[in-house]
Amino acid sequence: MATETADARADHLRSLTVSSVTSLSGIAAGLISAVVASGATDTAGLYPLAGAILVQLPLLGLLGVEVDDFSIKDNVYIAFMTFALWFVTWTILLTTGTSF
């Protein structure tokens, strides 16, 4: 019984860590895209997104998440969540005319 509880907590902490890192990375990439790119058609806005996706696996490894156990589904989840938060953040900043 105690082992099941410890395993459930470890799985929950892993999920929470991965979700938090992907969300914060996507938001940070959106903010950086707003600074780097001159508008929505500027392809320089994609580079922070690519960098955020590539940096996450080593970062998660440093945070104690076993990235060697990730399946394709986990990697797609990381890429999609980062993209989704990047897209929403950069879209909001573009439509409000916010400039840094």
PDB file of N, CA and C in Angstrom:
ATOM      1  N   MET A   1       0.824  -1.187   0.000  1.00  0.00           N
ATOM      2  CA  MET A   1       0.000   0.000   0.000  1.00  0.00           C
ATOM      3  C   MET A   1       0.867   1.249   0.000  1.00  0.00           C
ATOM      4  N   ALA A   2       1.904   1.285   0.844  1.00  0.00           N
ATOM      5  CA  ALA A   2       2.764   2.469   0.911  1.00  0.00           C
ATOM      6  C   ALA A   2       3.555   2.644  -0.379  1.00  0.00           C
ATOM      7  N   THR A   3       3.918   1.535  -1.016  1.00  0.00           N
ATOM      8  CA  THR A   3       4.654   1.610  -2.274  1.00  0.00           C
ATOM      9  C   THR A   3       3.782   2.196  -3.367  1.00  0.00           C
ATOM     10  N   GLU A   4       2.512   1.821  -3.401  1.00  0.00           N
ATOM     11  CA  GLU A   4       1.587   2.363  -4.393  1.00  0.00           C
ATOM     12  C   GLU A   4       1.424   3.858  -4.215  1.00  0.00           C
ATOM     13  N   THR A   5       1.344   4.325  -2.992  1.00  0.00           N
ATOM     14  CA  THR A   5       1.212   5.747  -2.719  1.00  0.00           C
ATOM     15  C   THR A   5       2.470   6.500  -3.148  1.00  0.00           C
ATOM     16  N   ALA A   6       3.635   5.938  -2.877  1.00  0.00           N
ATOM     17  CA  ALA A   6       4.893   6.577  -3.268  1.00  0.00           C
ATOM     18  C   ALA A   6       5.024   6.625  -4.786  1.00  0.00           C
ATOM     19  N   ASP A   7       4.623   5.552  -5.464  1.00  0.00           N
ATOM     20  CA  ASP A   7       4.670   5.537  -6.921  1.00  0.00           C
ATOM     21  C   ASP A   7       3.700   6.548  -7.514  1.00  0.00           C
ATOM     22  N   ALA A   8       2.515   6.654  -6.929  1.00  0.00           N
ATOM     23  CA  ALA A   8       1.525   7.608  -7.414  1.00  0.00           C
ATOM     24  C   ALA A   8       2.020   9.038  -7.230  1.00  0.00           C
ATOM     25  N   ARG A   9       2.655   9.312  -6.101  1.00  0.00           N
ATOM     26  CA  ARG A   9       3.205  10.652  -5.866  1.00  0.00           C
ATOM     27  C   ARG A   9       4.333  10.968  -6.834  1.00  0.00           C
ATOM     28  N   ALA A  10       5.187   9.995  -7.095  1.00  0.00           N
ATOM     29  CA  ALA A  10       6.302  10.198  -8.024  1.00  0.00           C
ATOM     30  C   ALA A  10       5.773  10.469  -9.432  1.00  0.00           C
ATOM     31  N   ASP A  11       4.753   9.725  -9.855  1.00  0.00           N
ATOM     32  CA  ASP A  11       4.153   9.957 -11.170  1.00  0.00           C
ATOM     33  C   ASP A  11       3.495  11.322 -11.246  1.00  0.00           C
ATOM     34  N   HIS A  12       2.820  11.704 -10.177  1.00  0.00           N
ATOM     35  CA  HIS A  12       2.159  13.009 -10.150  1.00  0.00           C
ATOM     36  C   HIS A  12       3.196  14.134 -10.187  1.00  0.00           C
ATOM     37  N   LEU A  13       4.258  14.006  -9.429  1.00  0.00           N
ATOM     38  CA  LEU A  13       5.315  15.021  -9.419  1.00  0.00           C
ATOM     39  C   LEU A  13       5.990  15.115 -10.785  1.00  0.00           C
ATOM     40  N   ARG A  14       6.201  13.984 -11.438  1.00  0.00           N
ATOM     41  CA  ARG A  14       6.775  13.978 -12.783  1.00  0.00           C
ATOM     42  C   ARG A  14       5.866  14.721 -13.757  1.00  0.00           C
ATOM     43  N   SER A  15       4.573  14.429 -13.715  1.00  0.00           N
ATOM     44  CA  SER A  15       3.613  15.094 -14.603  1.00  0.00           C
ATOM     45  C   SER A  15       3.556  16.588 -14.341  1.00  0.00           C
ATOM     46  N   LEU A  16       3.559  16.957 -13.084  1.00  0.00           N
ATOM     47  CA  LEU A  16       3.515  18.362 -12.715  1.00  0.00           C
ATOM     48  C   LEU A  16       4.772  19.097 -13.185  1.00  0.00           C
ATOM     49  N   THR A  17       5.917  18.479 -13.037  1.00  0.00           N
ATOM     50  CA  THR A  17       7.173  19.085 -13.460  1.00  0.00           C
ATOM     51  C   THR A  17       7.208  19.272 -14.972  1.00  0.00           C
ATOM     52  N   VAL A  18       6.838  18.241 -15.710  1.00  0.00           N
ATOM     53  CA  VAL A  18       6.860  18.322 -17.174  1.00  0.00           C
ATOM     54  C   VAL A  18       5.872  19.370 -17.669  1.00  0.00           C
ATOM     55  N   SER A  19       4.667  19.394 -17.125  1.00  0.00           N
ATOM     56  CA  SER A  19       3.664  20.370 -17.545  1.00  0.00           C
ATOM     57  C   SER A  19       4.096  21.792 -17.222  1.00  0.00           C
ATOM     58  N   SER A  20       4.671  21.993 -16.067  1.00  0.00           N
ATOM     59  CA  SER A  20       5.118  23.329 -15.677  1.00  0.00           C
ATOM     60  C   SER A  20       6.257  23.827 -16.561  1.00  0.00           C
ATOM     61  N   VAL A  21       7.222  22.965 -16.812  1.00  0.00           N
ATOM     62  CA  VAL A  21       8.365  23.366 -17.638  1.00  0.00           C
ATOM     63  C   VAL A  21       7.917  23.659 -19.065  1.00  0.00           C
ATOM     64  N   THR A  22       7.041  22.827 -19.629  1.00  0.00           N
ATOM     65  CA  THR A  22       6.594  23.076 -20.996  1.00  0.00           C
ATOM     66  C   THR A  22       5.773  24.356 -21.091  1.00  0.00           C
ATOM     67  N   SER A  23       4.926  24.609 -20.126  1.00  0.00           N
ATOM     68  CA  SER A  23       4.117  25.827 -20.149  1.00  0.00           C
ATOM     69  C   SER A  23       4.978  27.074 -20.005  1.00  0.00           C
ATOM     70  N   LEU A  24       5.859  27.072 -19.044  1.00  0.00           N
ATOM     71  CA  LEU A  24       6.715  28.240 -18.840  1.00  0.00           C
ATOM     72  C   LEU A  24       7.674  28.452 -20.007  1.00  0.00           C
ATOM     73  N   SER A  25       8.151  27.371 -20.617  1.00  0.00           N
ATOM     74  CA  SER A  25       9.023  27.503 -21.779  1.00  0.00           C
ATOM     75  C   SER A  25       8.270  28.091 -22.966  1.00  0.00           C
ATOM     76  N   GLY A  26       7.038  27.672 -23.161  1.00  0.00           N
ATOM     77  CA  GLY A  26       6.230  28.221 -24.246  1.00  0.00           C
ATOM     78  C   GLY A  26       5.938  29.702 -24.059  1.00  0.00           C
ATOM     79  N   ILE A  27       5.630  30.092 -22.841  1.00  0.00           N
ATOM     80  CA  ILE A  27       5.366  31.508 -22.563  1.00  0.00           C
ATOM     81  C   ILE A  27       6.630  32.335 -22.745  1.00  0.00           C
ATOM     82  N   ALA A  28       7.753  31.825 -22.262  1.00  0.00           N
ATOM     83  CA  ALA A  28       9.023  32.540 -22.425  1.00  0.00           C
ATOM     84  C   ALA A  28       9.386  32.663 -23.908  1.00  0.00           C
ATOM     85  N   ALA A  29       9.167  31.606 -24.679  1.00  0.00           N
ATOM     86  CA  ALA A  29       9.455  31.659 -26.114  1.00  0.00           C
ATOM     87  C   ALA A  29       8.558  32.671 -26.810  1.00  0.00           C
ATOM     88  N   GLY A  30       7.308  32.781 -26.392  1.00  0.00           N
ATOM     89  CA  GLY A  30       6.414  33.780 -26.966  1.00  0.00           C
ATOM     90  C   GLY A  30       6.867  35.197 -26.662  1.00  0.00           C
ATOM     91  N   LEU A  31       7.321  35.421 -25.450  1.00  0.00           N
ATOM     92  CA  LEU A  31       7.833  36.747 -25.089  1.00  0.00           C
ATOM     93  C   LEU A  31       9.102  37.080 -25.863  1.00  0.00           C
ATOM     94  N   ILE A  32       9.979  36.111 -26.009  1.00  0.00           N
ATOM     95  CA  ILE A  32      11.212  36.339 -26.766  1.00  0.00           C
ATOM     96  C   ILE A  32      10.897  36.573 -28.239  1.00  0.00           C
ATOM     97  N   SER A  33       9.929  35.859 -28.781  1.00  0.00           N
ATOM     98  CA  SER A  33       9.527  36.069 -30.174  1.00  0.00           C
ATOM     99  C   SER A  33       9.005  37.485 -30.386  1.00  0.00           C
ATOM    100  N   ALA A  34       8.288  38.011 -29.405  1.00  0.00           N
ATOM    101  CA  ALA A  34       7.783  39.378 -29.519  1.00  0.00           C
ATOM    102  C   ALA A  34       8.921  40.385 -29.528  1.00  0.00           C
ATOM    103  N   VAL A  35       9.997  40.082 -28.842  1.00  0.00           N
ATOM    104  CA  VAL A  35      11.153  40.978 -28.804  1.00  0.00           C
ATOM    105  C   VAL A  35      11.973  40.848 -30.083  1.00  0.00           C
ATOM    106  N   VAL A  36      12.185  39.618 -30.539  1.00  0.00           N
ATOM    107  CA  VAL A  36      13.088  39.359 -31.659  1.00  0.00           C
ATOM    108  C   VAL A  36      12.449  39.681 -33.000  1.00  0.00           C
ATOM    109  N   ALA A  37      11.205  39.295 -33.199  1.00  0.00           N
ATOM    110  CA  ALA A  37      10.555  39.418 -34.501  1.00  0.00           C
ATOM    111  C   ALA A  37       9.869  40.769 -34.638  1.00  0.00           C
ATOM    112  N   SER A  38       9.819  41.237 -35.873  1.00  0.00           N
ATOM    113  CA  SER A  38       9.178  42.529 -36.123  1.00  0.00           C
ATOM    114  C   SER A  38       7.689  42.392 -36.379  1.00  0.00           C
ATOM    115  N   GLY A  39       7.215  41.205 -36.616  1.00  0.00           N
ATOM    116  CA  GLY A  39       5.794  40.985 -36.849  1.00  0.00           C
ATOM    117  C   GLY A  39       5.505  39.520 -37.042  1.00  0.00           C
ATOM    118  N   ALA A  40       4.251  39.220 -37.376  1.00  0.00           N
ATOM    119  CA  ALA A  40       3.831  37.825 -37.498  1.00  0.00           C
ATOM    120  C   ALA A  40       4.456  37.123 -38.694  1.00  0.00           C
ATOM    121  N   THR A  41       4.854  37.879 -39.711  1.00  0.00           N
ATOM    122  CA  THR A  41       5.443  37.251 -40.895  1.00  0.00           C
ATOM    123  C   THR A  41       6.959  37.101 -40.797  1.00  0.00           C
ATOM    124  N   ASP A  42       7.553  37.591 -39.739  1.00  0.00           N
ATOM    125  CA  ASP A  42       8.996  37.486 -39.549  1.00  0.00           C
ATOM    126  C   ASP A  42       9.331  36.089 -39.027  1.00  0.00           C
ATOM    127  N   THR A  43      10.107  35.329 -39.795  1.00  0.00           N
ATOM    128  CA  THR A  43      10.415  33.955 -39.401  1.00  0.00           C
ATOM    129  C   THR A  43      11.382  33.881 -38.228  1.00  0.00           C
ATOM    130  N   ALA A  44      11.969  34.990 -37.830  1.00  0.00           N
ATOM    131  CA  ALA A  44      12.842  34.985 -36.659  1.00  0.00           C
ATOM    132  C   ALA A  44      12.065  34.654 -35.382  1.00  0.00           C
ATOM    133  N   GLY A  45      10.760  34.799 -35.416  1.00  0.00           N
ATOM    134  CA  GLY A  45       9.929  34.466 -34.270  1.00  0.00           C
ATOM    135  C   GLY A  45       9.828  32.973 -34.008  1.00  0.00           C
ATOM    136  N   LEU A  46      10.212  32.164 -34.997  1.00  0.00           N
ATOM    137  CA  LEU A  46      10.173  30.709 -34.820  1.00  0.00           C
ATOM    138  C   LEU A  46      11.393  30.171 -34.089  1.00  0.00           C
ATOM    139  N   TYR A  47      12.493  30.889 -34.138  1.00  0.00           N
ATOM    140  CA  TYR A  47      13.724  30.401 -33.509  1.00  0.00           C
ATOM    141  C   TYR A  47      13.610  30.244 -31.994  1.00  0.00           C
ATOM    142  N   PRO A  48      12.974  31.175 -31.286  1.00  0.00           N
ATOM    143  CA  PRO A  48      12.804  30.945 -29.832  1.00  0.00           C
ATOM    144  C   PRO A  48      11.952  29.707 -29.528  1.00  0.00           C
ATOM    145  N   LEU A  49      10.971  29.416 -30.375  1.00  0.00           N
ATOM    146  CA  LEU A  49      10.159  28.218 -30.181  1.00  0.00           C
ATOM    147  C   LEU A  49      11.010  26.969 -30.333  1.00  0.00           C
ATOM    148  N   ALA A  50      11.798  26.914 -31.398  1.00  0.00           N
ATOM    149  CA  ALA A  50      12.661  25.749 -31.623  1.00  0.00           C
ATOM    150  C   ALA A  50      13.664  25.598 -30.478  1.00  0.00           C
ATOM    151  N   GLY A  51      14.228  26.705 -30.029  1.00  0.00           N
ATOM    152  CA  GLY A  51      15.173  26.654 -28.922  1.00  0.00           C
ATOM    153  C   GLY A  51      14.526  26.175 -27.641  1.00  0.00           C
ATOM    154  N   ALA A  52      13.310  26.631 -27.387  1.00  0.00           N
ATOM    155  CA  ALA A  52      12.608  26.220 -26.157  1.00  0.00           C
ATOM    156  C   ALA A  52      12.317  24.726 -26.165  1.00  0.00           C
ATOM    157  N   ILE A  53      11.954  24.189 -27.326  1.00  0.00           N
ATOM    158  CA  ILE A  53      11.669  22.755 -27.409  1.00  0.00           C
ATOM    159  C   ILE A  53      12.944  21.945 -27.209  1.00  0.00           C
ATOM    160  N   LEU A  54      14.040  22.390 -27.814  1.00  0.00           N
ATOM    161  CA  LEU A  54      15.297  21.639 -27.727  1.00  0.00           C
ATOM    162  C   LEU A  54      15.937  21.697 -26.345  1.00  0.00           C
ATOM    163  N   VAL A  55      15.726  22.776 -25.620  1.00  0.00           N
ATOM    164  CA  VAL A  55      16.360  22.950 -24.313  1.00  0.00           C
ATOM    165  C   VAL A  55      15.632  22.169 -23.216  1.00  0.00           C
ATOM    166  N   GLN A  56      14.395  21.810 -23.461  1.00  0.00           N
ATOM    167  CA  GLN A  56      13.589  21.216 -22.391  1.00  0.00           C
ATOM    168  C   GLN A  56      14.054  19.844 -21.927  1.00  0.00           C
ATOM    169  N   LEU A  57      14.468  18.977 -22.834  1.00  0.00           N
ATOM    170  CA  LEU A  57      14.869  17.633 -22.404  1.00  0.00           C
ATOM    171  C   LEU A  57      16.077  17.667 -21.480  1.00  0.00           C
ATOM    172  N   PRO A  58      17.140  18.413 -21.802  1.00  0.00           N
ATOM    173  CA  PRO A  58      18.233  18.498 -20.824  1.00  0.00           C
ATOM    174  C   PRO A  58      17.800  19.164 -19.513  1.00  0.00           C
ATOM    175  N   LEU A  59      16.929  20.166 -19.605  1.00  0.00           N
ATOM    176  CA  LEU A  59      16.447  20.844 -18.404  1.00  0.00           C
ATOM    177  C   LEU A  59      15.641  19.893 -17.525  1.00  0.00           C
ATOM    178  N   LEU A  60      14.785  19.106 -18.144  1.00  0.00           N
ATOM    179  CA  LEU A  60      14.013  18.131 -17.375  1.00  0.00           C
ATOM    180  C   LEU A  60      14.924  17.084 -16.742  1.00  0.00           C
ATOM    181  N   GLY A  61      15.980  16.707 -17.446  1.00  0.00           N
ATOM    182  CA  GLY A  61      16.947  15.775 -16.873  1.00  0.00           C
ATOM    183  C   GLY A  61      17.629  16.353 -15.650  1.00  0.00           C
ATOM    184  N   LEU A  62      17.941  17.656 -15.704  1.00  0.00           N
ATOM    185  CA  LEU A  62      18.550  18.314 -14.542  1.00  0.00           C
ATOM    186  C   LEU A  62      17.589  18.404 -13.358  1.00  0.00           C
ATOM    187  N   LEU A  63      16.301  18.462 -13.667  1.00  0.00           N
ATOM    188  CA  LEU A  63      15.294  18.539 -12.606  1.00  0.00           C
ATOM    189  C   LEU A  63      14.925  17.179 -12.033  1.00  0.00           C
ATOM    190  N   GLY A  64      15.560  16.120 -12.525  1.00  0.00           N
ATOM    191  CA  GLY A  64      15.342  14.802 -11.957  1.00  0.00           C
ATOM    192  C   GLY A  64      14.314  13.948 -12.668  1.00  0.00           C
ATOM    193  N   VAL A  65      13.827  14.383 -13.814  1.00  0.00           N
ATOM    194  CA  VAL A  65      12.868  13.591 -14.575  1.00  0.00           C
ATOM    195  C   VAL A  65      13.654  12.637 -15.471  1.00  0.00           C
ATOM    196  N   GLU A  66      13.267  11.382 -15.478  1.00  0.00           N
ATOM    197  CA  GLU A  66      13.942  10.374 -16.298  1.00  0.00           C
ATOM    198  C   GLU A  66      13.510  10.532 -17.756  1.00  0.00           C
ATOM    199  N   VAL A  67      14.253  11.328 -18.524  1.00  0.00           N
ATOM    200  CA  VAL A  67      13.883  11.575 -19.916  1.00  0.00           C
ATOM    201  C   VAL A  67      14.196  10.377 -20.802  1.00  0.00           C
ATOM    202  N   ASP A  68      15.005   9.445 -20.342  1.00  0.00           N
ATOM    203  CA  ASP A  68      15.285   8.236 -21.115  1.00  0.00           C
ATOM    204  C   ASP A  68      14.050   7.346 -21.218  1.00  0.00           C
ATOM    205  N   ASP A  69      13.135   7.485 -20.278  1.00  0.00           N
ATOM    206  CA  ASP A  69      11.916   6.685 -20.278  1.00  0.00           C
ATOM    207  C   ASP A  69      10.797   7.308 -21.107  1.00  0.00           C
ATOM    208  N   PHE A  70      11.027   8.469 -21.728  1.00  0.00           N
ATOM    209  CA  PHE A  70       9.998   9.145 -22.505  1.00  0.00           C
ATOM    210  C   PHE A  70       9.695   8.362 -23.776  1.00  0.00           C
ATOM    211  N   SER A  71       8.425   8.264 -24.084  1.00  0.00           N
ATOM    212  CA  SER A  71       8.005   7.654 -25.335  1.00  0.00           C
ATOM    213  C   SER A  71       7.792   8.761 -26.367  1.00  0.00           C
ATOM    214  N   ILE A  72       7.409   8.381 -27.555  1.00  0.00           N
ATOM    215  CA  ILE A  72       7.130   9.381 -28.596  1.00  0.00           C
ATOM    216  C   ILE A  72       5.966  10.259 -28.158  1.00  0.00           C
ATOM    217  N   LYS A  73       5.002   9.673 -27.475  1.00  0.00           N
ATOM    218  CA  LYS A  73       3.849  10.429 -26.991  1.00  0.00           C
ATOM    219  C   LYS A  73       4.287  11.544 -26.032  1.00  0.00           C
ATOM    220  N   ASP A  74       5.235  11.252 -25.154  1.00  0.00           N
ATOM    221  CA  ASP A  74       5.731  12.262 -24.226  1.00  0.00           C
ATOM    222  C   ASP A  74       6.455  13.389 -24.963  1.00  0.00           C
ATOM    223  N   ASN A  75       7.263  13.034 -25.949  1.00  0.00           N
ATOM    224  CA  ASN A  75       7.975  14.051 -26.717  1.00  0.00           C
ATOM    225  C   ASN A  75       7.025  14.920 -27.537  1.00  0.00           C
ATOM    226  N   VAL A  76       5.995  14.316 -28.103  1.00  0.00           N
ATOM    227  CA  VAL A  76       4.994  15.085 -28.852  1.00  0.00           C
ATOM    228  C   VAL A  76       4.228  16.006 -27.901  1.00  0.00           C
ATOM    229  N   TYR A  77       3.932  15.520 -26.710  1.00  0.00           N
ATOM    230  CA  TYR A  77       3.254  16.355 -25.706  1.00  0.00           C
ATOM    231  C   TYR A  77       4.094  17.583 -25.371  1.00  0.00           C
ATOM    232  N   ILE A  78       5.387  17.389 -25.167  1.00  0.00           N
ATOM    233  CA  ILE A  78       6.271  18.509 -24.845  1.00  0.00           C
ATOM    234  C   ILE A  78       6.292  19.516 -25.988  1.00  0.00           C
ATOM    235  N   ALA A  79       6.448  19.028 -27.205  1.00  0.00           N
ATOM    236  CA  ALA A  79       6.503  19.928 -28.364  1.00  0.00           C
ATOM    237  C   ALA A  79       5.170  20.653 -28.561  1.00  0.00           C
ATOM    238  N   PHE A  80       4.059  19.936 -28.438  1.00  0.00           N
ATOM    239  CA  PHE A  80       2.762  20.569 -28.668  1.00  0.00           C
ATOM    240  C   PHE A  80       2.421  21.596 -27.598  1.00  0.00           C
ATOM    241  N   MET A  81       2.648  21.261 -26.341  1.00  0.00           N
ATOM    242  CA  MET A  81       2.332  22.215 -25.277  1.00  0.00           C
ATOM    243  C   MET A  81       3.194  23.468 -25.372  1.00  0.00           C
ATOM    244  N   THR A  82       4.453  23.291 -25.707  1.00  0.00           N
ATOM    245  CA  THR A  82       5.323  24.451 -25.877  1.00  0.00           C
ATOM    246  C   THR A  82       4.831  25.297 -27.041  1.00  0.00           C
ATOM    247  N   PHE A  83       4.490  24.653 -28.158  1.00  0.00           N
ATOM    248  CA  PHE A  83       3.966  25.386 -29.312  1.00  0.00           C
ATOM    249  C   PHE A  83       2.678  26.122 -28.967  1.00  0.00           C
ATOM    250  N   ALA A  84       1.765  25.450 -28.287  1.00  0.00           N
ATOM    251  CA  ALA A  84       0.468  26.051 -27.977  1.00  0.00           C
ATOM    252  C   ALA A  84       0.623  27.298 -27.099  1.00  0.00           C
ATOM    253  N   LEU A  85       1.441  27.215 -26.063  1.00  0.00           N
ATOM    254  CA  LEU A  85       1.636  28.373 -25.188  1.00  0.00           C
ATOM    255  C   LEU A  85       2.411  29.475 -25.893  1.00  0.00           C
ATOM    256  N   TRP A  86       3.380  29.107 -26.734  1.00  0.00           N
ATOM    257  CA  TRP A  86       4.108  30.089 -27.540  1.00  0.00           C
ATOM    258  C   TRP A  86       3.145  30.824 -28.468  1.00  0.00           C
ATOM    259  N   PHE A  87       2.295  30.075 -29.153  1.00  0.00           N
ATOM    260  CA  PHE A  87       1.353  30.646 -30.110  1.00  0.00           C
ATOM    261  C   PHE A  87       0.376  31.608 -29.430  1.00  0.00           C
ATOM    262  N   VAL A  88      -0.187  31.191 -28.327  1.00  0.00           N
ATOM    263  CA  VAL A  88      -1.151  32.034 -27.610  1.00  0.00           C
ATOM    264  C   VAL A  88      -0.473  33.302 -27.092  1.00  0.00           C
ATOM    265  N   THR A  89       0.704  33.149 -26.491  1.00  0.00           N
ATOM    266  CA  THR A  89       1.414  34.312 -25.938  1.00  0.00           C
ATOM    267  C   THR A  89       1.797  35.293 -27.025  1.00  0.00           C
ATOM    268  N   TRP A  90       2.390  34.814 -28.093  1.00  0.00           N
ATOM    269  CA  TRP A  90       2.829  35.712 -29.166  1.00  0.00           C
ATOM    270  C   TRP A  90       1.630  36.341 -29.875  1.00  0.00           C
ATOM    271  N   THR A  91       0.534  35.586 -30.039  1.00  0.00           N
ATOM    272  CA  THR A  91      -0.672  36.145 -30.661  1.00  0.00           C
ATOM    273  C   THR A  91      -1.246  37.268 -29.820  1.00  0.00           C
ATOM    274  N   ILE A  92      -1.306  37.077 -28.525  1.00  0.00           N
ATOM    275  CA  ILE A  92      -1.820  38.133 -27.644  1.00  0.00           C
ATOM    276  C   ILE A  92      -0.940  39.374 -27.735  1.00  0.00           C
ATOM    277  N   LEU A  93       0.363  39.186 -27.732  1.00  0.00           N
ATOM    278  CA  LEU A  93       1.274  40.325 -27.798  1.00  0.00           C
ATOM    279  C   LEU A  93       1.188  41.015 -29.157  1.00  0.00           C
ATOM    280  N   LEU A  94       0.983  40.279 -30.247  1.00  0.00           N
ATOM    281  CA  LEU A  94       0.849  40.888 -31.569  1.00  0.00           C
ATOM    282  C   LEU A  94      -0.458  41.644 -31.708  1.00  0.00           C
ATOM    283  N   THR A  95      -1.547  41.100 -31.193  1.00  0.00           N
ATOM    284  CA  THR A  95      -2.845  41.755 -31.366  1.00  0.00           C
ATOM    285  C   THR A  95      -3.016  42.967 -30.467  1.00  0.00           C
ATOM    286  N   THR A  96      -2.337  42.997 -29.340  1.00  0.00           N
ATOM    287  CA  THR A  96      -2.443  44.160 -28.466  1.00  0.00           C
ATOM    288  C   THR A  96      -1.453  45.257 -28.842  1.00  0.00           C
ATOM    289  N   GLY A  97      -0.551  44.934 -29.753  1.00  0.00           N
ATOM    290  CA  GLY A  97       0.425  45.925 -30.196  1.00  0.00           C
ATOM    291  C   GLY A  97       1.507  46.187 -29.150  1.00  0.00           C
ATOM    292  N   THR A  98       1.706  45.270 -28.270  1.00  0.00           N
ATOM    293  CA  THR A  98       2.726  45.429 -27.243  1.00  0.00           C
ATOM    294  C   THR A  98       4.104  45.331 -27.869  1.00  0.00           C
ATOM    295  N   SER A  99       4.958  46.271 -27.558  1.00  0.00           N
ATOM    296  CA  SER A  99       6.339  46.213 -28.055  1.00  0.00           C
ATOM    297  C   SER A  99       7.287  46.377 -26.882  1.00  0.00           C
ATOM    298  N   PHE A 100       8.410  45.714 -27.003  1.00  0.00           N
ATOM    299  CA  PHE A 100       9.390  45.771 -25.939  1.00  0.00           C
ATOM    300  C   PHE A 100      10.557  46.616 -26.349  1.00  0.00           C
TER     301      PHE A 100
END
